[in-house]
Structure formats: structure tokens, C-alpha cells
């Protein structure tokens, strides 16, 4: 999977391979989980996935930005942004994998 973006189809295929659900039910299950995460975030509720990380919403106030080409000051409207914080377990997994990769090179 190196260098490739993980897609919904990849997730559905993994459910199919590991759980044994039919492909269409695996795809439906992946969609259901992703929709529930989205709905929760839309309501402003954080989502915590044990051993993976947490998703949340952060409010950003209006501020003045600058157009990099012209240098003109432009107001940036207030908005809500999605934030993700990886769990310590996930960070450790990623760092261990990177360490093993670098040692093999």
C-alpha cells in the first residue's frame, strides 16, 4: 500500500477480506461508519477511536490575511475546521514502521 492513497473501496475490500461480508455489504458498512463520524462532527461532537485518534471541530475567528501575490490584505471569514489528533498508540505504530523501513534501506 506504500505510496497509494487509502480509499473507501480499499476499506470495503479489507472488510470483505477480513470479516467475510459480501462486497456490497462491506461497502455499505464502510459508508455507514463514515457517515456516522461525519454526522457526529456536524453536530459538534468529537469522535474518539481507541488506538487510532480523535476528530474534532475547532472554531476559527475572523482574521486579516494577505494575498501572497499582491500583498493585499483580505479578510478571512470565521469558520469551523476539522482537526485530527493521532493517539499515542498510532504515533508509535507509525514511528516503529518508519524506523524499520529506514533500517532495511
Protein backbone atom coordinates (compact mmCIF):
# COMPACT_ATOMS: atom_id res chain seq x y z
CA UNK A 1 0.00 0.00 0.00
CA UNK A 2 3.07 2.24 0.01
CA UNK A 3 2.64 5.50 -1.90
CA UNK A 4 -1.05 4.92 -2.53
CA UNK A 5 -3.97 6.78 -1.00
CA UNK A 6 -6.33 4.59 1.01
CA UNK A 7 -9.83 4.83 -0.50
CA UNK A 8 -13.30 3.78 0.57
CA UNK A 9 -13.05 0.93 -1.90
CA UNK A 10 -9.82 -0.20 -0.21
CA UNK A 11 -11.53 -0.13 3.18
CA UNK A 12 -14.50 -2.09 1.83
CA UNK A 13 -12.14 -4.65 0.30
CA UNK A 14 -10.34 -5.03 3.64
CA UNK A 15 -13.67 -5.64 5.40
CA UNK A 16 -14.56 -8.17 2.72
CA UNK A 17 -11.22 -9.99 3.11
CA UNK A 18 -11.00 -9.96 6.91
CA UNK A 19 -14.64 -10.21 8.01
CA UNK A 20 -16.07 -12.16 5.11
CA UNK A 21 -19.11 -9.98 4.45
CA UNK A 22 -20.22 -9.78 0.82
CA UNK A 23 -18.57 -6.93 -1.10
CA UNK A 24 -21.73 -4.83 -1.33
CA UNK A 25 -22.41 -5.20 2.42
CA UNK A 26 -18.77 -4.36 3.18
CA UNK A 27 -19.06 -1.17 1.13
CA UNK A 28 -22.35 -0.31 2.89
CA UNK A 29 -20.73 -0.86 6.29
CA UNK A 30 -17.80 1.44 5.44
CA UNK A 31 -20.23 4.13 4.22
CA UNK A 32 -22.33 3.78 7.37
CA UNK A 33 -19.31 4.24 9.65
CA UNK A 34 -18.03 7.26 7.70
CA UNK A 35 -21.48 8.87 7.65
CA UNK A 36 -21.85 8.42 11.40
CA UNK A 37 -18.47 10.05 12.00
CA UNK A 38 -19.48 12.94 9.72
CA UNK A 39 -22.86 13.41 11.41
CA UNK A 40 -21.28 13.47 14.83
CA UNK A 41 -18.77 16.11 13.73
CA UNK A 42 -21.52 18.19 12.07
CA UNK A 43 -23.33 18.27 15.44
CA UNK A 44 -20.10 19.49 17.05
CA UNK A 45 -19.45 16.25 18.95
CA UNK A 46 -15.88 14.95 18.96
CA UNK A 47 -15.20 11.42 17.66
CA UNK A 48 -12.67 9.27 19.50
CA UNK A 49 -11.46 5.99 18.01
CA UNK A 50 -9.50 3.99 20.53
CA UNK A 51 -5.89 3.26 19.49
CA UNK A 52 -6.35 5.44 16.40
CA UNK A 53 -7.09 9.05 17.27
CA UNK A 54 -9.74 11.68 17.70
CA UNK A 55 -11.52 14.03 15.32
CA UNK A 56 -12.89 17.36 16.46
CA UNK A 57 -14.07 20.74 15.29
CA UNK A 58 -12.21 23.96 16.05
CA UNK A 59 -13.77 27.40 15.70
CA UNK A 60 -11.58 29.94 13.90
CA UNK A 61 -12.29 33.64 14.31
CA UNK A 62 -12.29 36.19 11.52
CA UNK A 63 -8.82 37.50 10.79
CA UNK A 64 -6.92 39.51 8.23
CA UNK A 65 -4.89 37.52 5.72
CA UNK A 66 -2.64 38.61 2.91
CA UNK A 67 -2.75 37.71 -0.78
CA UNK A 68 0.76 36.31 -1.39
CA UNK A 69 0.93 37.58 -4.99
CA UNK A 70 -0.27 41.15 -4.46
CA UNK A 71 0.35 41.67 -0.75
CA UNK A 72 -3.23 42.98 -0.47
CA UNK A 73 -4.88 42.45 2.92
CA UNK A 74 -8.00 40.28 2.70
CA UNK A 75 -10.47 39.43 5.48
CA UNK A 76 -10.75 35.68 6.17
CA UNK A 77 -14.23 34.78 7.37
CA UNK A 78 -14.84 32.88 10.60
CA UNK A 79 -15.27 29.15 10.10
CA UNK A 80 -15.15 25.74 11.69
CA UNK A 81 -12.29 23.43 10.76
CA UNK A 82 -11.80 19.72 11.20
CA UNK A 83 -8.86 18.67 13.34
CA UNK A 84 -7.37 15.22 13.89
CA UNK A 85 -5.09 14.18 16.70
CA UNK A 86 -3.45 10.77 16.43
CA UNK A 87 -3.37 8.61 19.55
CA UNK A 88 -0.04 7.78 21.17
CA UNK A 89 -0.52 4.16 20.07
CA UNK A 90 -0.95 5.23 16.43
CA UNK A 91 2.05 7.54 16.62
CA UNK A 92 4.14 4.69 18.00
CA UNK A 93 2.99 2.34 15.21
CA UNK A 94 3.85 4.88 12.53
CA UNK A 95 7.25 5.68 14.04
CA UNK A 96 8.09 1.98 14.51
CA UNK A 97 7.21 1.28 10.87
CA UNK A 98 9.34 4.19 9.69
CA UNK A 99 12.27 3.07 11.84
CA UNK A 100 12.07 -0.48 10.43
CA UNK A 101 11.87 0.90 6.86
CA UNK A 102 14.94 3.10 7.36
CA UNK A 103 16.90 0.24 8.94
CA UNK A 104 16.11 -2.02 5.96
CA UNK A 105 17.37 0.59 3.45
